[in-house]
Every structure is written in structure tokens, then in C-alpha cells.
Amino acid sequence: MSFFRKLFAKKEERPVVEERTVFNLQMKDIVTYELEDYQVVGKLSYSDHGFTWHAYQLQSSDRVIWLSVEMDDELELGIYEKCKLKLTEPIPKEITFEGTTYYLDEHGVAQVSGIGRGQNVNGATCKYFGFCDEEEEAFLSVEIWGGEVEVSKGYSIEEYELKIIASN
């Protein structure tokens, strides 16, 4: 290629990859947490009276966890896993599970949108109940979908504990 052709030729446009944060994770992004790599396989976005929070479903080779992302007065992140606690309605204000007592902190009804593995609940309504232990270090999340009650156990993490690698 001649000098002038190189000088005046159109440059190939490379795709721009948006820097990923806990607020804009995309399907197939990789999130490393506690030295384990997880792929983002689903996302649920909850909205209750103008307040929005997100839950990303993360899949490793042998484990599924949920990354909860909420901007209240400050960024609040949590890791949750489904647990085998059986509850029915009405949901109590105090729950003891695996030797820890959890107290009702918040509850409401949220409109939910989902993508990836979460697309099957897109447009659904969910009743939610948030519980915390006395020290506010351990949490239970209770969600009611239709008549099905799902319970997850979780704990807070800091943003620096995550490493995010964009998939595209």
C-alpha cells in the first residue's frame, strides 16, 4: 500500500466497549468474586414507587449466586443464594433460620422487568420482604411470585471485591 493510501485511507472502526460497572452489567459479562469467575446470565430490575434496584444472576461452573445492587444514600451491594427455608403467607415479622434471628426491615410490591434467564418474569409483580439480623450483617430476602415463596440468604459486600470483565 502506498504512503498516500495509508495516510488518507479510512480507519477501521473498532467497536467501543462501554466500561462496565455494577449498574450496567450485560449478559455474558464475567464477574470475579472471591477468586471465582461467574457469568452474568440474568438480570431482574425491581421498581416500587420510583425506587429501583437490580439483581444479577451469576453462574459459575458449579454455583449460582445473585448480586444485589441498590443505590440508596450510598451504594449497597449484596451476595445472595437461595436457601431451603419454607415460608407461607402471611410472612412473619421475625424469622429464625440456622440459629440466627432476622427482623423485618422493609416490604412492598414491585414491578419487575427481566432479561436473560430473568425474561420469564418480565412485566410481573412481586411481593418482597427484606430481613436483617441484629448486627445488620446477614440478610434474608423473601419474594412471593404468584403464590410461590422464594427465600434467599445474603450478606453485604464492597464494590472493590468484584472484578468485572466486559463480554463484548
C-alpha atoms as a PDB file:
ATOM      1  CA  MET A   1       0.000   0.000   0.000  1.00  0.00           C
ATOM      2  CA  SER A   2       1.392   3.374  -0.940  1.00  0.00           C
ATOM      3  CA  PHE A   3       2.209   6.071   1.559  1.00  0.00           C
ATOM      4  CA  PHE A   4      -0.707   8.320   0.469  1.00  0.00           C
ATOM      5  CA  ARG A   5      -3.193   5.462   0.524  1.00  0.00           C
ATOM      6  CA  LYS A   6      -2.169   4.687   4.115  1.00  0.00           C
ATOM      7  CA  LEU A   7      -2.381   8.336   5.042  1.00  0.00           C
ATOM      8  CA  PHE A   8      -5.840   9.002   3.579  1.00  0.00           C
ATOM      9  CA  ALA A   9      -7.476   5.588   3.888  1.00  0.00           C
ATOM     10  CA  LYS A  10     -10.457   5.254   6.179  1.00  0.00           C
ATOM     11  CA  LYS A  11      -9.505   3.849   9.508  1.00  0.00           C
ATOM     12  CA  GLU A  12     -11.244   0.673  10.557  1.00  0.00           C
ATOM     13  CA  GLU A  13     -13.813   1.444  13.183  1.00  0.00           C
ATOM     14  CA  ARG A  14     -13.401  -0.671  16.256  1.00  0.00           C
ATOM     15  CA  PRO A  15     -16.403  -1.355  18.434  1.00  0.00           C
ATOM     16  CA  VAL A  16     -16.464   0.742  21.565  1.00  0.00           C
ATOM     17  CA  VAL A  17     -16.844  -1.308  24.733  1.00  0.00           C
ATOM     18  CA  GLU A  18     -18.620   0.582  27.464  1.00  0.00           C
ATOM     19  CA  GLU A  19     -16.829   0.389  30.803  1.00  0.00           C
ATOM     20  CA  ARG A  20     -18.810  -1.963  32.995  1.00  0.00           C
ATOM     21  CA  THR A  21     -19.984  -1.139  36.482  1.00  0.00           C
ATOM     22  CA  VAL A  22     -22.415  -2.856  38.824  1.00  0.00           C
ATOM     23  CA  PHE A  23     -25.134  -0.698  37.239  1.00  0.00           C
ATOM     24  CA  ASN A  24     -24.655  -1.679  33.603  1.00  0.00           C
ATOM     25  CA  LEU A  25     -23.609  -5.335  33.582  1.00  0.00           C
ATOM     26  CA  GLN A  26     -24.596  -7.133  30.385  1.00  0.00           C
ATOM     27  CA  MET A  27     -25.423 -10.756  29.642  1.00  0.00           C
ATOM     28  CA  LYS A  28     -22.239 -12.856  29.305  1.00  0.00           C
ATOM     29  CA  ASP A  29     -20.048 -10.349  31.200  1.00  0.00           C
ATOM     30  CA  ILE A  30     -17.719 -12.029  33.686  1.00  0.00           C
ATOM     31  CA  VAL A  31     -17.756 -11.051  37.361  1.00  0.00           C
ATOM     32  CA  THR A  32     -14.951 -12.352  39.553  1.00  0.00           C
ATOM     33  CA  TYR A  33     -15.796 -12.642  43.231  1.00  0.00           C
ATOM     34  CA  GLU A  34     -13.706 -14.447  45.860  1.00  0.00           C
ATOM     35  CA  LEU A  35     -11.364 -15.790  43.141  1.00  0.00           C
ATOM     36  CA  GLU A  36     -14.232 -17.444  41.249  1.00  0.00           C
ATOM     37  CA  ASP A  37     -15.461 -16.371  37.824  1.00  0.00           C
ATOM     38  CA  TYR A  38     -19.187 -16.004  37.239  1.00  0.00           C
ATOM     39  CA  GLN A  39     -21.012 -15.238  34.012  1.00  0.00           C
ATOM     40  CA  VAL A  40     -23.967 -12.857  34.044  1.00  0.00           C
ATOM     41  CA  VAL A  41     -26.898 -14.999  32.866  1.00  0.00           C
ATOM     42  CA  GLY A  42     -29.893 -12.966  34.045  1.00  0.00           C
ATOM     43  CA  LYS A  43     -30.971  -9.617  35.386  1.00  0.00           C
ATOM     44  CA  LEU A  44     -34.061  -8.558  37.300  1.00  0.00           C
ATOM     45  CA  SER A  45     -34.912  -4.896  37.821  1.00  0.00           C
ATOM     46  CA  TYR A  46     -37.393  -4.068  40.569  1.00  0.00           C
ATOM     47  CA  SER A  47     -39.345  -0.822  40.833  1.00  0.00           C
ATOM     48  CA  ASP A  48     -41.502   0.248  43.777  1.00  0.00           C
ATOM     49  CA  HIS A  49     -42.903   3.801  43.849  1.00  0.00           C
ATOM     50  CA  GLY A  50     -39.971   5.239  41.874  1.00  0.00           C
ATOM     51  CA  PHE A  51     -37.266   3.358  43.790  1.00  0.00           C
ATOM     52  CA  THR A  52     -35.320   0.888  41.617  1.00  0.00           C
ATOM     53  CA  TRP A  53     -32.832  -1.868  42.417  1.00  0.00           C
ATOM     54  CA  HIS A  54     -31.307  -4.732  40.458  1.00  0.00           C
ATOM     55  CA  ALA A  55     -30.398  -8.377  40.952  1.00  0.00           C
ATOM     56  CA  TYR A  56     -27.946 -10.056  38.581  1.00  0.00           C
ATOM     57  CA  GLN A  57     -27.960 -13.842  38.319  1.00  0.00           C
ATOM     58  CA  LEU A  58     -24.343 -15.030  38.229  1.00  0.00           C
ATOM     59  CA  GLN A  59     -23.415 -18.580  37.169  1.00  0.00           C
ATOM     60  CA  SER A  60     -20.068 -20.300  37.779  1.00  0.00           C
ATOM     61  CA  SER A  61     -19.213 -23.854  36.812  1.00  0.00           C
ATOM     62  CA  ASP A  62     -20.986 -25.218  39.910  1.00  0.00           C
ATOM     63  CA  ARG A  63     -22.781 -22.385  41.695  1.00  0.00           C
ATOM     64  CA  VAL A  64     -25.482 -19.761  41.149  1.00  0.00           C
ATOM     65  CA  ILE A  65     -25.483 -16.540  43.173  1.00  0.00           C
ATOM     66  CA  TRP A  66     -27.322 -13.254  42.929  1.00  0.00           C
ATOM     67  CA  LEU A  67     -25.614  -9.860  43.044  1.00  0.00           C
ATOM     68  CA  SER A  68     -27.974  -7.278  44.527  1.00  0.00           C
ATOM     69  CA  VAL A  69     -27.300  -3.655  43.518  1.00  0.00           C
ATOM     70  CA  GLU A  70     -29.092  -0.770  45.185  1.00  0.00           C
ATOM     71  CA  MET A  71     -28.350   2.931  45.322  1.00  0.00           C
ATOM     72  CA  ASP A  72     -29.896   4.313  48.472  1.00  0.00           C
ATOM     73  CA  ASP A  73     -28.000   7.089  50.245  1.00  0.00           C
ATOM     74  CA  GLU A  74     -24.937   5.133  49.144  1.00  0.00           C
ATOM     75  CA  LEU A  75     -24.196   2.066  47.027  1.00  0.00           C
ATOM     76  CA  GLU A  76     -25.370  -1.150  48.683  1.00  0.00           C
ATOM     77  CA  LEU A  77     -24.188  -4.476  47.265  1.00  0.00           C
ATOM     78  CA  GLY A  78     -25.066  -7.944  48.447  1.00  0.00           C
ATOM     79  CA  ILE A  79     -24.497 -11.564  47.509  1.00  0.00           C
ATOM     80  CA  TYR A  80     -27.488 -13.874  47.894  1.00  0.00           C
ATOM     81  CA  GLU A  81     -28.085 -17.602  47.457  1.00  0.00           C
ATOM     82  CA  LYS A  82     -31.385 -19.442  47.544  1.00  0.00           C
ATOM     83  CA  CYS A  83     -31.953 -21.329  50.765  1.00  0.00           C
ATOM     84  CA  LYS A  84     -34.296 -24.098  51.803  1.00  0.00           C
ATOM     85  CA  LEU A  85     -36.340 -22.135  54.315  1.00  0.00           C
ATOM     86  CA  LYS A  86     -40.029 -22.909  53.794  1.00  0.00           C
ATOM     87  CA  LEU A  87     -42.382 -19.984  54.431  1.00  0.00           C
ATOM     88  CA  THR A  88     -46.034 -19.367  53.686  1.00  0.00           C
ATOM     89  CA  GLU A  89     -48.148 -16.250  53.762  1.00  0.00           C
ATOM     90  CA  PRO A  90     -48.598 -14.264  55.861  1.00  0.00           C
ATOM     91  CA  ILE A  91     -44.863 -13.601  56.209  1.00  0.00           C
ATOM     92  CA  PRO A  92     -43.887 -13.103  59.880  1.00  0.00           C
ATOM     93  CA  LYS A  93     -42.032 -10.031  61.157  1.00  0.00           C
ATOM     94  CA  GLU A  94     -39.321 -12.188  62.744  1.00  0.00           C
ATOM     95  CA  ILE A  95     -37.675 -15.329  61.339  1.00  0.00           C
ATOM     96  CA  THR A  96     -35.131 -17.627  62.969  1.00  0.00           C
ATOM     97  CA  PHE A  97     -33.070 -19.632  60.471  1.00  0.00           C
ATOM     98  CA  GLU A  98     -29.880 -21.635  61.092  1.00  0.00           C
ATOM     99  CA  GLY A  99     -29.526 -20.160  64.586  1.00  0.00           C
ATOM    100  CA  THR A 100     -29.850 -16.504  63.524  1.00  0.00           C
ATOM    101  CA  THR A 101     -32.888 -14.317  64.125  1.00  0.00           C
ATOM    102  CA  TYR A 102     -33.828 -11.945  61.318  1.00  0.00           C
ATOM    103  CA  TYR A 103     -36.127  -8.951  61.699  1.00  0.00           C
ATOM    104  CA  LEU A 104     -38.372  -7.424  59.035  1.00  0.00           C
ATOM    105  CA  ASP A 105     -36.704  -4.284  57.680  1.00  0.00           C
ATOM    106  CA  GLU A 106     -38.764  -3.456  54.593  1.00  0.00           C
ATOM    107  CA  HIS A 107     -41.531  -4.835  52.424  1.00  0.00           C
ATOM    108  CA  GLY A 108     -43.644  -3.861  49.470  1.00  0.00           C
ATOM    109  CA  VAL A 109     -44.779  -4.752  45.994  1.00  0.00           C
ATOM    110  CA  ALA A 110     -42.515  -4.214  42.993  1.00  0.00           C
ATOM    111  CA  GLN A 111     -42.960  -4.254  39.249  1.00  0.00           C
ATOM    112  CA  VAL A 112     -40.253  -6.454  37.728  1.00  0.00           C
ATOM    113  CA  SER A 113     -38.530  -6.471  34.360  1.00  0.00           C
ATOM    114  CA  GLY A 114     -36.097  -9.190  33.411  1.00  0.00           C
ATOM    115  CA  ILE A 115     -33.623 -10.186  30.730  1.00  0.00           C
ATOM    116  CA  GLY A 116     -31.603 -13.327  30.096  1.00  0.00           C
ATOM    117  CA  ARG A 117     -32.789 -16.081  32.412  1.00  0.00           C
ATOM    118  CA  GLY A 118     -34.969 -13.476  34.100  1.00  0.00           C
ATOM    119  CA  GLN A 119     -37.035 -12.746  30.997  1.00  0.00           C
ATOM    120  CA  ASN A 120     -39.792 -15.129  32.102  1.00  0.00           C
ATOM    121  CA  VAL A 121     -40.812 -12.693  34.884  1.00  0.00           C
ATOM    122  CA  ASN A 122     -40.684  -9.602  32.658  1.00  0.00           C
ATOM    123  CA  GLY A 123     -43.731  -7.482  33.496  1.00  0.00           C
ATOM    124  CA  ALA A 124     -44.609  -9.474  36.634  1.00  0.00           C
ATOM    125  CA  THR A 125     -45.435  -8.146  40.082  1.00  0.00           C
ATOM    126  CA  CYS A 126     -43.560  -9.432  43.127  1.00  0.00           C
ATOM    127  CA  LYS A 127     -44.189  -9.032  46.845  1.00  0.00           C
ATOM    128  CA  TYR A 128     -40.871  -8.591  48.636  1.00  0.00           C
ATOM    129  CA  PHE A 129     -39.759  -8.691  52.260  1.00  0.00           C
ATOM    130  CA  GLY A 130     -36.271  -7.740  53.439  1.00  0.00           C
ATOM    131  CA  PHE A 131     -34.984  -9.056  56.763  1.00  0.00           C
ATOM    132  CA  CYS A 132     -31.705  -8.383  58.605  1.00  0.00           C
ATOM    133  CA  ASP A 133     -30.058  -9.755  61.712  1.00  0.00           C
ATOM    134  CA  GLU A 134     -29.442  -7.591  64.778  1.00  0.00           C
ATOM    135  CA  GLU A 135     -25.969  -6.528  63.580  1.00  0.00           C
ATOM    136  CA  GLU A 136     -27.222  -5.851  60.016  1.00  0.00           C
ATOM    137  CA  GLU A 137     -24.576  -8.218  58.646  1.00  0.00           C
ATOM    138  CA  ALA A 138     -26.772 -11.076  57.444  1.00  0.00           C
ATOM    139  CA  PHE A 139     -29.950 -10.805  55.400  1.00  0.00           C
ATOM    140  CA  LEU A 140     -32.923 -12.797  54.209  1.00  0.00           C
ATOM    141  CA  SER A 141     -34.784 -11.849  51.062  1.00  0.00           C
ATOM    142  CA  VAL A 142     -38.306 -13.214  50.704  1.00  0.00           C
ATOM    143  CA  GLU A 143     -40.115 -12.855  47.380  1.00  0.00           C
ATOM    144  CA  ILE A 144     -43.593 -14.030  46.519  1.00  0.00           C
ATOM    145  CA  TRP A 145     -44.213 -14.728  42.827  1.00  0.00           C
ATOM    146  CA  GLY A 146     -47.852 -15.602  42.296  1.00  0.00           C
ATOM    147  CA  GLY A 147     -48.265 -17.930  45.264  1.00  0.00           C
ATOM    148  CA  GLU A 148     -44.702 -19.271  45.310  1.00  0.00           C
ATOM    149  CA  VAL A 149     -42.469 -18.074  48.154  1.00  0.00           C
ATOM    150  CA  GLU A 150     -38.703 -17.895  47.443  1.00  0.00           C
ATOM    151  CA  VAL A 151     -36.161 -17.239  50.194  1.00  0.00           C
ATOM    152  CA  SER A 152     -32.512 -16.248  49.759  1.00  0.00           C
ATOM    153  CA  LYS A 153     -29.825 -15.702  52.367  1.00  0.00           C
ATOM    154  CA  GLY A 154     -27.253 -12.968  51.868  1.00  0.00           C
ATOM    155  CA  TYR A 155     -24.618 -10.599  53.145  1.00  0.00           C
ATOM    156  CA  SER A 156     -23.151  -7.227  52.172  1.00  0.00           C
ATOM    157  CA  ILE A 157     -20.028  -6.825  50.079  1.00  0.00           C
ATOM    158  CA  GLU A 158     -17.956  -3.872  48.912  1.00  0.00           C
ATOM    159  CA  GLU A 159     -17.547  -2.855  45.271  1.00  0.00           C
ATOM    160  CA  TYR A 160     -13.768  -3.416  45.376  1.00  0.00           C
ATOM    161  CA  GLU A 161     -14.416  -7.143  45.990  1.00  0.00           C
ATOM    162  CA  LEU A 162     -15.689  -7.502  42.418  1.00  0.00           C
ATOM    163  CA  LYS A 163     -13.774  -7.521  39.164  1.00  0.00           C
ATOM    164  CA  ILE A 164     -15.844  -7.051  36.015  1.00  0.00           C
ATOM    165  CA  ILE A 165     -14.791  -8.084  32.515  1.00  0.00           C
ATOM    166  CA  ALA A 166     -16.996  -6.942  29.626  1.00  0.00           C
ATOM    167  CA  SER A 167     -18.036  -9.698  27.230  1.00  0.00           C
ATOM    168  CA  ASN A 168     -18.010  -7.527  24.108  1.00  0.00           C
END
